[in-house]
Amino acid sequence: MNVASVHFYPEYGKEPVYAGATGIEEVLNLLKEFSSRLGQPLFVGEFAALGHDREDKLTMEQFRELQTRLLDAFVNEKIDLSAYWVFDYTSDRSGPGLIRKDNKYSWILDQIVEYNEKMQ
């Protein structure tokens, strides 16, 4: 299947800007329009909340706020397909947003299930 594929990592407290669009929903809308012109579904092939730089650690509350905002935008903009940044079964890796069933980000799995139901 051909898709228009992008990665999307907006920074907490800073609106993304791309090709004249500003803000999460506006940028996603622009990308969705572009993929439609190509006759292809839009695949947000990786997404996650991000601090201002890779060393900027978000609090869990900030991470959850931005993560929820992203998923709300996916629903509102009717994004065709998306894949969260990373699920990892190994216990030696860590980092913001890295999901395992037994770590502090495991709630994201439940959130994704909830939003999948909203999209159907």
PDB file of N, CA and C in Angstrom:
ATOM      1  N   MET A   1       0.846  -1.170   0.000  1.00  0.00           N
ATOM      2  CA  MET A   1       0.000   0.000   0.000  1.00  0.00           C
ATOM      3  C   MET A   1       0.894   1.237   0.000  1.00  0.00           C
ATOM      4  N   ASN A   2       0.629   2.168  -0.863  1.00  0.00           N
ATOM      5  CA  ASN A   2       1.344   3.437  -0.865  1.00  0.00           C
ATOM      6  C   ASN A   2       0.696   4.376   0.138  1.00  0.00           C
ATOM      7  N   VAL A   3       1.518   5.054   0.909  1.00  0.00           N
ATOM      8  CA  VAL A   3       1.033   6.029   1.882  1.00  0.00           C
ATOM      9  C   VAL A   3       1.956   7.233   1.873  1.00  0.00           C
ATOM     10  N   ALA A   4       1.418   8.367   2.284  1.00  0.00           N
ATOM     11  CA  ALA A   4       2.245   9.522   2.591  1.00  0.00           C
ATOM     12  C   ALA A   4       2.607   9.374   4.068  1.00  0.00           C
ATOM     13  N   SER A   5       3.888   9.213   4.357  1.00  0.00           N
ATOM     14  CA  SER A   5       4.330   8.904   5.715  1.00  0.00           C
ATOM     15  C   SER A   5       5.159  10.040   6.294  1.00  0.00           C
ATOM     16  N   VAL A   6       4.830  10.409   7.535  1.00  0.00           N
ATOM     17  CA  VAL A   6       5.569  11.459   8.244  1.00  0.00           C
ATOM     18  C   VAL A   6       5.832  11.014   9.675  1.00  0.00           C
ATOM     19  N   HIS A   7       6.802  11.634  10.298  1.00  0.00           N
ATOM     20  CA  HIS A   7       7.027  11.507  11.741  1.00  0.00           C
ATOM     21  C   HIS A   7       6.604  12.829  12.353  1.00  0.00           C
ATOM     22  N   PHE A   8       6.026  12.791  13.556  1.00  0.00           N
ATOM     23  CA  PHE A   8       5.501  14.010  14.156  1.00  0.00           C
ATOM     24  C   PHE A   8       5.829  14.030  15.641  1.00  0.00           C
ATOM     25  N   TYR A   9       6.714  14.937  16.032  1.00  0.00           N
ATOM     26  CA  TYR A   9       7.157  15.071  17.415  1.00  0.00           C
ATOM     27  C   TYR A   9       7.049  16.529  17.858  1.00  0.00           C
ATOM     28  N   PRO A  10       5.854  17.015  18.118  1.00  0.00           N
ATOM     29  CA  PRO A  10       5.744  18.405  18.571  1.00  0.00           C
ATOM     30  C   PRO A  10       6.342  18.578  19.965  1.00  0.00           C
ATOM     31  N   GLU A  11       6.893  19.752  20.176  1.00  0.00           N
ATOM     32  CA  GLU A  11       7.517  20.063  21.460  1.00  0.00           C
ATOM     33  C   GLU A  11       6.488  20.648  22.418  1.00  0.00           C
ATOM     34  N   TYR A  12       6.613  20.280  23.668  1.00  0.00           N
ATOM     35  CA  TYR A  12       5.731  20.815  24.703  1.00  0.00           C
ATOM     36  C   TYR A  12       5.944  22.325  24.813  1.00  0.00           C
ATOM     37  N   GLY A  13       4.847  23.083  24.820  1.00  0.00           N
ATOM     38  CA  GLY A  13       4.919  24.527  25.006  1.00  0.00           C
ATOM     39  C   GLY A  13       5.343  25.295  23.772  1.00  0.00           C
ATOM     40  N   LYS A  14       5.475  24.617  22.639  1.00  0.00           N
ATOM     41  CA  LYS A  14       5.889  25.282  21.406  1.00  0.00           C
ATOM     42  C   LYS A  14       5.056  24.705  20.263  1.00  0.00           C
ATOM     43  N   GLU A  15       4.328  25.563  19.565  1.00  0.00           N
ATOM     44  CA  GLU A  15       3.475  25.097  18.477  1.00  0.00           C
ATOM     45  C   GLU A  15       4.334  24.718  17.269  1.00  0.00           C
ATOM     46  N   PRO A  16       4.068  23.562  16.666  1.00  0.00           N
ATOM     47  CA  PRO A  16       4.813  23.195  15.464  1.00  0.00           C
ATOM     48  C   PRO A  16       4.461  24.132  14.307  1.00  0.00           C
ATOM     49  N   VAL A  17       5.441  24.391  13.456  1.00  0.00           N
ATOM     50  CA  VAL A  17       5.261  25.233  12.284  1.00  0.00           C
ATOM     51  C   VAL A  17       5.782  24.457  11.083  1.00  0.00           C
ATOM     52  N   TYR A  18       4.945  24.362  10.041  1.00  0.00           N
ATOM     53  CA  TYR A  18       5.368  23.656   8.834  1.00  0.00           C
ATOM     54  C   TYR A  18       4.636  24.218   7.626  1.00  0.00           C
ATOM     55  N   ALA A  19       5.378  24.666   6.637  1.00  0.00           N
ATOM     56  CA  ALA A  19       4.824  25.129   5.356  1.00  0.00           C
ATOM     57  C   ALA A  19       3.691  26.139   5.534  1.00  0.00           C
ATOM     58  N   GLY A  20       3.875  27.081   6.446  1.00  0.00           N
ATOM     59  CA  GLY A  20       2.882  28.118   6.663  1.00  0.00           C
ATOM     60  C   GLY A  20       1.781  27.762   7.645  1.00  0.00           C
ATOM     61  N   ALA A  21       1.734  26.501   8.086  1.00  0.00           N
ATOM     62  CA  ALA A  21       0.738  26.071   9.072  1.00  0.00           C
ATOM     63  C   ALA A  21       1.362  26.140  10.462  1.00  0.00           C
ATOM     64  N   THR A  22       0.558  26.535  11.449  1.00  0.00           N
ATOM     65  CA  THR A  22       1.033  26.633  12.829  1.00  0.00           C
ATOM     66  C   THR A  22       0.062  25.914  13.745  1.00  0.00           C
ATOM     67  N   GLY A  23       0.591  25.067  14.608  1.00  0.00           N
ATOM     68  CA  GLY A  23      -0.222  24.339  15.569  1.00  0.00           C
ATOM     69  C   GLY A  23      -0.412  22.886  15.141  1.00  0.00           C
ATOM     70  N   ILE A  24      -0.653  22.044  16.106  1.00  0.00           N
ATOM     71  CA  ILE A  24      -0.758  20.609  15.857  1.00  0.00           C
ATOM     72  C   ILE A  24      -1.847  20.299  14.840  1.00  0.00           C
ATOM     73  N   GLU A  25      -3.055  20.780  15.083  1.00  0.00           N
ATOM     74  CA  GLU A  25      -4.161  20.449  14.180  1.00  0.00           C
ATOM     75  C   GLU A  25      -3.966  21.063  12.803  1.00  0.00           C
ATOM     76  N   GLU A  26      -3.483  22.289  12.739  1.00  0.00           N
ATOM     77  CA  GLU A  26      -3.297  22.947  11.448  1.00  0.00           C
ATOM     78  C   GLU A  26      -2.222  22.233  10.610  1.00  0.00           C
ATOM     79  N   VAL A  27      -1.124  21.829  11.247  1.00  0.00           N
ATOM     80  CA  VAL A  27      -0.079  21.101  10.527  1.00  0.00           C
ATOM     81  C   VAL A  27      -0.604  19.746  10.060  1.00  0.00           C
ATOM     82  N   LEU A  28      -1.306  19.023  10.936  1.00  0.00           N
ATOM     83  CA  LEU A  28      -1.880  17.738  10.528  1.00  0.00           C
ATOM     84  C   LEU A  28      -2.884  17.906   9.393  1.00  0.00           C
ATOM     85  N   ASN A  29      -3.687  18.968   9.451  1.00  0.00           N
ATOM     86  CA  ASN A  29      -4.651  19.240   8.383  1.00  0.00           C
ATOM     87  C   ASN A  29      -3.935  19.475   7.061  1.00  0.00           C
ATOM     88  N   LEU A  30      -2.848  20.226   7.086  1.00  0.00           N
ATOM     89  CA  LEU A  30      -2.067  20.477   5.884  1.00  0.00           C
ATOM     90  C   LEU A  30      -1.491  19.177   5.321  1.00  0.00           C
ATOM     91  N   LEU A  31      -0.949  18.345   6.196  1.00  0.00           N
ATOM     92  CA  LEU A  31      -0.395  17.062   5.762  1.00  0.00           C
ATOM     93  C   LEU A  31      -1.490  16.154   5.203  1.00  0.00           C
ATOM     94  N   LYS A  32      -2.656  16.183   5.826  1.00  0.00           N
ATOM     95  CA  LYS A  32      -3.790  15.380   5.352  1.00  0.00           C
ATOM     96  C   LYS A  32      -4.237  15.853   3.961  1.00  0.00           C
ATOM     97  N   GLU A  33      -4.295  17.166   3.762  1.00  0.00           N
ATOM     98  CA  GLU A  33      -4.649  17.709   2.447  1.00  0.00           C
ATOM     99  C   GLU A  33      -3.630  17.281   1.392  1.00  0.00           C
ATOM    100  N   PHE A  34      -2.362  17.336   1.731  1.00  0.00           N
ATOM    101  CA  PHE A  34      -1.304  16.944   0.809  1.00  0.00           C
ATOM    102  C   PHE A  34      -1.437  15.466   0.428  1.00  0.00           C
ATOM    103  N   SER A  35      -1.646  14.611   1.420  1.00  0.00           N
ATOM    104  CA  SER A  35      -1.780  13.183   1.126  1.00  0.00           C
ATOM    105  C   SER A  35      -3.020  12.922   0.275  1.00  0.00           C
ATOM    106  N   SER A  36      -4.085  13.675   0.511  1.00  0.00           N
ATOM    107  CA  SER A  36      -5.302  13.525  -0.298  1.00  0.00           C
ATOM    108  C   SER A  36      -5.041  13.903  -1.752  1.00  0.00           C
ATOM    109  N   ARG A  37      -4.279  14.969  -1.969  1.00  0.00           N
ATOM    110  CA  ARG A  37      -3.942  15.363  -3.345  1.00  0.00           C
ATOM    111  C   ARG A  37      -3.131  14.275  -4.041  1.00  0.00           C
ATOM    112  N   LEU A  38      -2.339  13.537  -3.264  1.00  0.00           N
ATOM    113  CA  LEU A  38      -1.564  12.432  -3.824  1.00  0.00           C
ATOM    114  C   LEU A  38      -2.412  11.178  -4.008  1.00  0.00           C
ATOM    115  N   GLY A  39      -3.611  11.191  -3.453  1.00  0.00           N
ATOM    116  CA  GLY A  39      -4.475  10.018  -3.513  1.00  0.00           C
ATOM    117  C   GLY A  39      -3.993   8.907  -2.599  1.00  0.00           C
ATOM    118  N   GLN A  40      -3.332   9.301  -1.506  1.00  0.00           N
ATOM    119  CA  GLN A  40      -2.778   8.321  -0.576  1.00  0.00           C
ATOM    120  C   GLN A  40      -3.246   8.630   0.847  1.00  0.00           C
ATOM    121  N   PRO A  41      -3.400   7.591   1.672  1.00  0.00           N
ATOM    122  CA  PRO A  41      -3.705   7.840   3.080  1.00  0.00           C
ATOM    123  C   PRO A  41      -2.500   8.466   3.779  1.00  0.00           C
ATOM    124  N   LEU A  42      -2.781   9.240   4.824  1.00  0.00           N
ATOM    125  CA  LEU A  42      -1.702   9.819   5.634  1.00  0.00           C
ATOM    126  C   LEU A  42      -1.363   8.859   6.756  1.00  0.00           C
ATOM    127  N   PHE A  43      -0.103   8.485   6.844  1.00  0.00           N
ATOM    128  CA  PHE A  43       0.410   7.610   7.905  1.00  0.00           C
ATOM    129  C   PHE A  43       1.387   8.415   8.745  1.00  0.00           C
ATOM    130  N   VAL A  44       0.981   8.732   9.973  1.00  0.00           N
ATOM    131  CA  VAL A  44       1.896   9.377  10.910  1.00  0.00           C
ATOM    132  C   VAL A  44       2.698   8.225  11.512  1.00  0.00           C
ATOM    133  N   GLY A  45       3.806   7.911  10.851  1.00  0.00           N
ATOM    134  CA  GLY A  45       4.567   6.690  11.097  1.00  0.00           C
ATOM    135  C   GLY A  45       5.279   6.642  12.423  1.00  0.00           C
ATOM    136  N   GLU A  46       5.454   7.751  13.048  1.00  0.00           N
ATOM    137  CA  GLU A  46       5.940   7.822  14.431  1.00  0.00           C
ATOM    138  C   GLU A  46       5.376   9.102  15.014  1.00  0.00           C
ATOM    139  N   PHE A  47       4.989   9.032  16.276  1.00  0.00           N
ATOM    140  CA  PHE A  47       4.591  10.247  16.982  1.00  0.00           C
ATOM    141  C   PHE A  47       4.811  10.052  18.471  1.00  0.00           C
ATOM    142  N   ALA A  48       5.054  11.166  19.145  1.00  0.00           N
ATOM    143  CA  ALA A  48       5.160  11.186  20.609  1.00  0.00           C
ATOM    144  C   ALA A  48       5.329  12.631  21.046  1.00  0.00           C
ATOM    145  N   ALA A  49       5.039  12.868  22.299  1.00  0.00           N
ATOM    146  CA  ALA A  49       5.292  14.166  22.898  1.00  0.00           C
ATOM    147  C   ALA A  49       6.799  14.331  23.091  1.00  0.00           C
ATOM    148  N   LEU A  50       7.277  15.554  23.002  1.00  0.00           N
ATOM    149  CA  LEU A  50       8.710  15.798  23.101  1.00  0.00           C
ATOM    150  C   LEU A  50       8.965  17.052  23.915  1.00  0.00           C
ATOM    151  N   GLY A  51      10.060  17.059  24.660  1.00  0.00           N
ATOM    152  CA  GLY A  51      10.499  18.265  25.347  1.00  0.00           C
ATOM    153  C   GLY A  51      11.111  19.229  24.345  1.00  0.00           C
ATOM    154  N   HIS A  52      11.579  20.378  24.806  1.00  0.00           N
ATOM    155  CA  HIS A  52      12.141  21.377  23.898  1.00  0.00           C
ATOM    156  C   HIS A  52      13.396  20.878  23.194  1.00  0.00           C
ATOM    157  N   ASP A  53      14.096  19.983  23.806  1.00  0.00           N
ATOM    158  CA  ASP A  53      15.191  19.290  23.146  1.00  0.00           C
ATOM    159  C   ASP A  53      15.282  17.918  23.783  1.00  0.00           C
ATOM    160  N   ARG A  54      16.090  17.067  23.270  1.00  0.00           N
ATOM    161  CA  ARG A  54      16.130  15.682  23.750  1.00  0.00           C
ATOM    162  C   ARG A  54      16.536  15.583  25.227  1.00  0.00           C
ATOM    163  N   GLU A  55      17.180  16.598  25.746  1.00  0.00           N
ATOM    164  CA  GLU A  55      17.595  16.568  27.152  1.00  0.00           C
ATOM    165  C   GLU A  55      16.542  17.176  28.081  1.00  0.00           C
ATOM    166  N   ASP A  56      15.572  17.880  27.507  1.00  0.00           N
ATOM    167  CA  ASP A  56      14.538  18.538  28.305  1.00  0.00           C
ATOM    168  C   ASP A  56      13.506  17.499  28.725  1.00  0.00           C
ATOM    169  N   LYS A  57      13.474  17.175  29.989  1.00  0.00           N
ATOM    170  CA  LYS A  57      12.568  16.149  30.502  1.00  0.00           C
ATOM    171  C   LYS A  57      11.218  16.762  30.861  1.00  0.00           C
ATOM    172  N   LEU A  58      10.174  16.195  30.282  1.00  0.00           N
ATOM    173  CA  LEU A  58       8.824  16.617  30.622  1.00  0.00           C
ATOM    174  C   LEU A  58       8.379  15.920  31.893  1.00  0.00           C
ATOM    175  N   THR A  59       7.581  16.609  32.686  1.00  0.00           N
ATOM    176  CA  THR A  59       6.931  15.922  33.793  1.00  0.00           C
ATOM    177  C   THR A  59       5.901  14.973  33.189  1.00  0.00           C
ATOM    178  N   MET A  60       5.454  14.017  33.951  1.00  0.00           N
ATOM    179  CA  MET A  60       4.451  13.081  33.438  1.00  0.00           C
ATOM    180  C   MET A  60       3.172  13.835  33.084  1.00  0.00           C
ATOM    181  N   GLU A  61       2.819  14.837  33.867  1.00  0.00           N
ATOM    182  CA  GLU A  61       1.627  15.636  33.577  1.00  0.00           C
ATOM    183  C   GLU A  61       1.771  16.361  32.238  1.00  0.00           C
ATOM    184  N   GLN A  62       2.929  16.959  31.982  1.00  0.00           N
ATOM    185  CA  GLN A  62       3.166  17.633  30.703  1.00  0.00           C
ATOM    186  C   GLN A  62       3.143  16.632  29.547  1.00  0.00           C
ATOM    187  N   PHE A  63       3.774  15.487  29.745  1.00  0.00           N
ATOM    188  CA  PHE A  63       3.801  14.468  28.713  1.00  0.00           C
ATOM    189  C   PHE A  63       2.383  14.007  28.387  1.00  0.00           C
ATOM    190  N   ARG A  64       1.596  13.726  29.422  1.00  0.00           N
ATOM    191  CA  ARG A  64       0.215  13.265  29.224  1.00  0.00           C
ATOM    192  C   ARG A  64      -0.622  14.334  28.521  1.00  0.00           C
ATOM    193  N   GLU A  65      -0.426  15.594  28.900  1.00  0.00           N
ATOM    194  CA  GLU A  65      -1.170  16.692  28.280  1.00  0.00           C
ATOM    195  C   GLU A  65      -0.891  16.761  26.772  1.00  0.00           C
ATOM    196  N   LEU A  66       0.373  16.710  26.382  1.00  0.00           N
ATOM    197  CA  LEU A  66       0.716  16.796  24.966  1.00  0.00           C
ATOM    198  C   LEU A  66       0.332  15.529  24.222  1.00  0.00           C
ATOM    199  N   GLN A  67       0.509  14.380  24.846  1.00  0.00           N
ATOM    200  CA  GLN A  67       0.116  13.106  24.240  1.00  0.00           C
ATOM    201  C   GLN A  67      -1.387  13.096  23.951  1.00  0.00           C
ATOM    202  N   THR A  68      -2.185  13.568  24.891  1.00  0.00           N
ATOM    203  CA  THR A  68      -3.633  13.629  24.720  1.00  0.00           C
ATOM    204  C   THR A  68      -4.002  14.617  23.622  1.00  0.00           C
ATOM    205  N   ARG A  69      -3.316  15.733  23.591  1.00  0.00           N
ATOM    206  CA  ARG A  69      -3.566  16.732  22.548  1.00  0.00           C
ATOM    207  C   ARG A  69      -3.281  16.152  21.165  1.00  0.00           C
ATOM    208  N   LEU A  70      -2.211  15.381  21.042  1.00  0.00           N
ATOM    209  CA  LEU A  70      -1.886  14.733  19.767  1.00  0.00           C
ATOM    210  C   LEU A  70      -2.992  13.774  19.338  1.00  0.00           C
ATOM    211  N   LEU A  71      -3.414  12.910  20.252  1.00  0.00           N
ATOM    212  CA  LEU A  71      -4.453  11.934  19.900  1.00  0.00           C
ATOM    213  C   LEU A  71      -5.783  12.614  19.593  1.00  0.00           C
ATOM    214  N   ASP A  72      -6.118  13.668  20.333  1.00  0.00           N
ATOM    215  CA  ASP A  72      -7.334  14.435  20.011  1.00  0.00           C
ATOM    216  C   ASP A  72      -7.257  14.985  18.589  1.00  0.00           C
ATOM    217  N   ALA A  73      -6.096  15.489  18.210  1.00  0.00           N
ATOM    218  CA  ALA A  73      -5.914  16.043  16.864  1.00  0.00           C
ATOM    219  C   ALA A  73      -6.020  14.948  15.805  1.00  0.00           C
ATOM    220  N   PHE A  74      -5.497  13.758  16.083  1.00  0.00           N
ATOM    221  CA  PHE A  74      -5.617  12.644  15.129  1.00  0.00           C
ATOM    222  C   PHE A  74      -7.086  12.313  14.875  1.00  0.00           C
ATOM    223  N   VAL A  75      -7.886  12.329  15.940  1.00  0.00           N
ATOM    224  CA  VAL A  75      -9.316  12.056  15.798  1.00  0.00           C
ATOM    225  C   VAL A  75      -9.988  13.194  15.027  1.00  0.00           C
ATOM    226  N   ASN A  76      -9.736  14.438  15.432  1.00  0.00           N
ATOM    227  CA  ASN A  76     -10.387  15.595  14.806  1.00  0.00           C
ATOM    228  C   ASN A  76     -10.028  15.745  13.335  1.00  0.00           C
ATOM    229  N   GLU A  77      -8.779  15.457  12.994  1.00  0.00           N
ATOM    230  CA  GLU A  77      -8.318  15.613  11.613  1.00  0.00           C
ATOM    231  C   GLU A  77      -8.503  14.336  10.793  1.00  0.00           C
ATOM    232  N   LYS A  78      -9.063  13.307  11.431  1.00  0.00           N
ATOM    233  CA  LYS A  78      -9.330  12.031  10.755  1.00  0.00           C
ATOM    234  C   LYS A  78      -8.074  11.460  10.088  1.00  0.00           C
ATOM    235  N   ILE A  79      -7.000  11.404  10.872  1.00  0.00           N
ATOM    236  CA  ILE A  79      -5.748  10.843  10.382  1.00  0.00           C
ATOM    237  C   ILE A  79      -5.978   9.362  10.075  1.00  0.00           C
ATOM    238  N   ASP A  80      -5.521   8.927   8.917  1.00  0.00           N
ATOM    239  CA  ASP A  80      -5.822   7.578   8.443  1.00  0.00           C
ATOM    240  C   ASP A  80      -5.151   6.490   9.272  1.00  0.00           C
ATOM    241  N   LEU A  81      -3.896   6.683   9.614  1.00  0.00           N
ATOM    242  CA  LEU A  81      -3.147   5.649  10.323  1.00  0.00           C
ATOM    243  C   LEU A  81      -2.001   6.305  11.076  1.00  0.00           C
ATOM    244  N   SER A  82      -1.729   5.801  12.266  1.00  0.00           N
ATOM    245  CA  SER A  82      -0.605   6.336  13.036  1.00  0.00           C
ATOM    246  C   SER A  82       0.016   5.216  13.867  1.00  0.00           C
ATOM    247  N   ALA A  83       1.270   5.428  14.245  1.00  0.00           N
ATOM    248  CA  ALA A  83       1.982   4.445  15.064  1.00  0.00           C
ATOM    249  C   ALA A  83       2.773   5.191  16.124  1.00  0.00           C
ATOM    250  N   TYR A  84       2.517   4.847  17.367  1.00  0.00           N
ATOM    251  CA  TYR A  84       3.246   5.474  18.466  1.00  0.00           C
ATOM    252  C   TYR A  84       4.737   5.182  18.333  1.00  0.00           C
ATOM    253  N   TRP A  85       5.574   6.063  18.848  1.00  0.00           N
ATOM    254  CA  TRP A  85       7.017   6.019  18.683  1.00  0.00           C
ATOM    255  C   TRP A  85       7.640   4.667  18.983  1.00  0.00           C
ATOM    256  N   VAL A  86       7.422   4.124  20.180  1.00  0.00           N
ATOM    257  CA  VAL A  86       8.137   2.874  20.463  1.00  0.00           C
ATOM    258  C   VAL A  86       7.492   2.103  21.615  1.00  0.00           C
ATOM    259  N   PHE A  87       7.401   0.809  21.381  1.00  0.00           N
ATOM    260  CA  PHE A  87       7.085  -0.161  22.422  1.00  0.00           C
ATOM    261  C   PHE A  87       8.367  -0.976  22.583  1.00  0.00           C
ATOM    262  N   ASP A  88       8.744  -1.271  23.796  1.00  0.00           N
ATOM    263  CA  ASP A  88      10.010  -1.964  23.983  1.00  0.00           C
ATOM    264  C   ASP A  88       9.869  -3.020  25.065  1.00  0.00           C
ATOM    265  N   TYR A  89      10.286  -4.217  24.751  1.00  0.00           N
ATOM    266  CA  TYR A  89      10.209  -5.309  25.714  1.00  0.00           C
ATOM    267  C   TYR A  89      11.454  -5.436  26.568  1.00  0.00           C
ATOM    268  N   THR A  90      12.533  -4.779  26.180  1.00  0.00           N
ATOM    269  CA  THR A  90      13.775  -4.915  26.944  1.00  0.00           C
ATOM    270  C   THR A  90      13.763  -3.972  28.139  1.00  0.00           C
ATOM    271  N   SER A  91      14.339  -4.401  29.217  1.00  0.00           N
ATOM    272  CA  SER A  91      14.318  -3.579  30.428  1.00  0.00           C
ATOM    273  C   SER A  91      15.540  -2.672  30.540  1.00  0.00           C
ATOM    274  N   ASP A  92      16.478  -2.780  29.614  1.00  0.00           N
ATOM    275  CA  ASP A  92      17.695  -1.968  29.727  1.00  0.00           C
ATOM    276  C   ASP A  92      17.581  -0.620  29.026  1.00  0.00           C
ATOM    277  N   ARG A  93      16.510  -0.392  28.250  1.00  0.00           N
ATOM    278  CA  ARG A  93      16.314   0.906  27.611  1.00  0.00           C
ATOM    279  C   ARG A  93      15.354   1.741  28.434  1.00  0.00           C
ATOM    280  N   SER A  94      15.565   3.037  28.405  1.00  0.00           N
ATOM    281  CA  SER A  94      14.642   3.937  29.093  1.00  0.00           C
ATOM    282  C   SER A  94      14.614   5.248  28.327  1.00  0.00           C
ATOM    283  N   GLY A  95      13.719   6.082  28.691  1.00  0.00           N
ATOM    284  CA  GLY A  95      13.611   7.389  28.066  1.00  0.00           C
ATOM    285  C   GLY A  95      12.178   7.846  28.083  1.00  0.00           C
ATOM    286  N   PRO A  96      11.973   9.131  27.838  1.00  0.00           N
ATOM    287  CA  PRO A  96      10.611   9.662  27.871  1.00  0.00           C
ATOM    288  C   PRO A  96       9.740   9.014  26.809  1.00  0.00           C
ATOM    289  N   GLY A  97       8.609   8.463  27.242  1.00  0.00           N
ATOM    290  CA  GLY A  97       7.644   7.909  26.328  1.00  0.00           C
ATOM    291  C   GLY A  97       7.899   6.492  25.871  1.00  0.00           C
ATOM    292  N   LEU A  98       8.977   5.889  26.292  1.00  0.00           N
ATOM    293  CA  LEU A  98       9.259   4.512  25.906  1.00  0.00           C
ATOM    294  C   LEU A  98       8.316   3.602  26.685  1.00  0.00           C
ATOM    295  N   ILE A  99       7.455   2.884  25.973  1.00  0.00           N
ATOM    296  CA  ILE A  99       6.397   2.098  26.613  1.00  0.00           C
ATOM    297  C   ILE A  99       6.825   0.652  26.813  1.00  0.00           C
ATOM    298  N   ARG A 100       6.594   0.184  28.020  1.00  0.00           N
ATOM    299  CA  ARG A 100       6.602  -1.248  28.332  1.00  0.00           C
ATOM    300  C   ARG A 100       5.377  -1.491  29.192  1.00  0.00           C
ATOM    301  N   LYS A 101       4.905  -2.717  29.213  1.00  0.00           N
ATOM    302  CA  LYS A 101       3.687  -3.010  29.981  1.00  0.00           C
ATOM    303  C   LYS A 101       3.885  -2.808  31.479  1.00  0.00           C
ATOM    304  N   ASP A 102       5.144  -2.708  31.932  1.00  0.00           N
ATOM    305  CA  ASP A 102       5.423  -2.609  33.359  1.00  0.00           C
ATOM    306  C   ASP A 102       6.161  -1.331  33.758  1.00  0.00           C
ATOM    307  N   ASN A 103       6.106  -0.281  32.917  1.00  0.00           N
ATOM    308  CA  ASN A 103       6.800   0.947  33.326  1.00  0.00           C
ATOM    309  C   ASN A 103       5.815   2.107  33.493  1.00  0.00           C
ATOM    310  N   LYS A 104       6.330   3.273  33.809  1.00  0.00           N
ATOM    311  CA  LYS A 104       5.461   4.408  34.130  1.00  0.00           C
ATOM    312  C   LYS A 104       4.713   4.969  32.912  1.00  0.00           C
ATOM    313  N   TYR A 105       5.070   4.543  31.708  1.00  0.00           N
ATOM    314  CA  TYR A 105       4.365   4.984  30.508  1.00  0.00           C
ATOM    315  C   TYR A 105       3.354   3.952  30.000  1.00  0.00           C
ATOM    316  N   SER A 106       3.121   2.910  30.754  1.00  0.00           N
ATOM    317  CA  SER A 106       2.195   1.858  30.307  1.00  0.00           C
ATOM    318  C   SER A 106       0.776   2.387  30.089  1.00  0.00           C
ATOM    319  N   TRP A 107       0.403   3.478  30.724  1.00  0.00           N
ATOM    320  CA  TRP A 107      -0.922   4.067  30.555  1.00  0.00           C
ATOM    321  C   TRP A 107      -1.193   4.441  29.098  1.00  0.00           C
ATOM    322  N   ILE A 108      -0.128   4.674  28.319  1.00  0.00           N
ATOM    323  CA  ILE A 108      -0.301   5.052  26.916  1.00  0.00           C
ATOM    324  C   ILE A 108      -0.970   3.924  26.135  1.00  0.00           C
ATOM    325  N   LEU A 109      -0.695   2.684  26.501  1.00  0.00           N
ATOM    326  CA  LEU A 109      -1.346   1.554  25.829  1.00  0.00           C
ATOM    327  C   LEU A 109      -2.864   1.642  25.980  1.00  0.00           C
ATOM    328  N   ASP A 110      -3.320   1.922  27.197  1.00  0.00           N
ATOM    329  CA  ASP A 110      -4.763   2.077  27.432  1.00  0.00           C
ATOM    330  C   ASP A 110      -5.318   3.284  26.685  1.00  0.00           C
ATOM    331  N   GLN A 111      -4.533   4.352  26.640  1.00  0.00           N
ATOM    332  CA  GLN A 111      -4.973   5.553  25.940  1.00  0.00           C
ATOM    333  C   GLN A 111      -5.133   5.274  24.435  1.00  0.00           C
ATOM    334  N   ILE A 112      -4.207   4.541  23.860  1.00  0.00           N
ATOM    335  CA  ILE A 112      -4.285   4.215  22.439  1.00  0.00           C
ATOM    336  C   ILE A 112      -5.519   3.355  22.156  1.00  0.00           C
ATOM    337  N   VAL A 113      -5.805   2.389  23.023  1.00  0.00           N
ATOM    338  CA  VAL A 113      -7.009   1.569  22.861  1.00  0.00           C
ATOM    339  C   VAL A 113      -8.253   2.468  22.906  1.00  0.00           C
ATOM    340  N   GLU A 114      -8.299   3.382  23.868  1.00  0.00           N
ATOM    341  CA  GLU A 114      -9.433   4.306  23.993  1.00  0.00           C
ATOM    342  C   GLU A 114      -9.616   5.132  22.726  1.00  0.00           C
ATOM    343  N   TYR A 115      -8.537   5.670  22.186  1.00  0.00           N
ATOM    344  CA  TYR A 115      -8.643   6.513  21.002  1.00  0.00           C
ATOM    345  C   TYR A 115      -8.938   5.687  19.746  1.00  0.00           C
ATOM    346  N   ASN A 116      -8.457   4.476  19.681  1.00  0.00           N
ATOM    347  CA  ASN A 116      -8.815   3.606  18.553  1.00  0.00           C
ATOM    348  C   ASN A 116     -10.326   3.413  18.502  1.00  0.00           C
ATOM    349  N   GLU A 117     -10.946   3.232  19.664  1.00  0.00           N
ATOM    350  CA  GLU A 117     -12.397   3.072  19.730  1.00  0.00           C
ATOM    351  C   GLU A 117     -13.124   4.335  19.258  1.00  0.00           C
ATOM    352  N   LYS A 118     -12.574   5.500  19.584  1.00  0.00           N
ATOM    353  CA  LYS A 118     -13.181   6.762  19.153  1.00  0.00           C
ATOM    354  C   LYS A 118     -13.132   6.920  17.641  1.00  0.00           C
ATOM    355  N   MET A 119     -12.131   6.331  17.016  1.00  0.00           N
ATOM    356  CA  MET A 119     -11.946   6.505  15.577  1.00  0.00           C
ATOM    357  C   MET A 119     -12.813   5.573  14.746  1.00  0.00           C
ATOM    358  N   GLN A 120     -13.406   4.557  15.382  1.00  0.00           N
ATOM    359  CA  GLN A 120     -14.185   3.600  14.611  1.00  0.00           C
ATOM    360  C   GLN A 120     -15.598   4.061  14.381  1.00  0.00           C
TER     361      GLN A 120
END
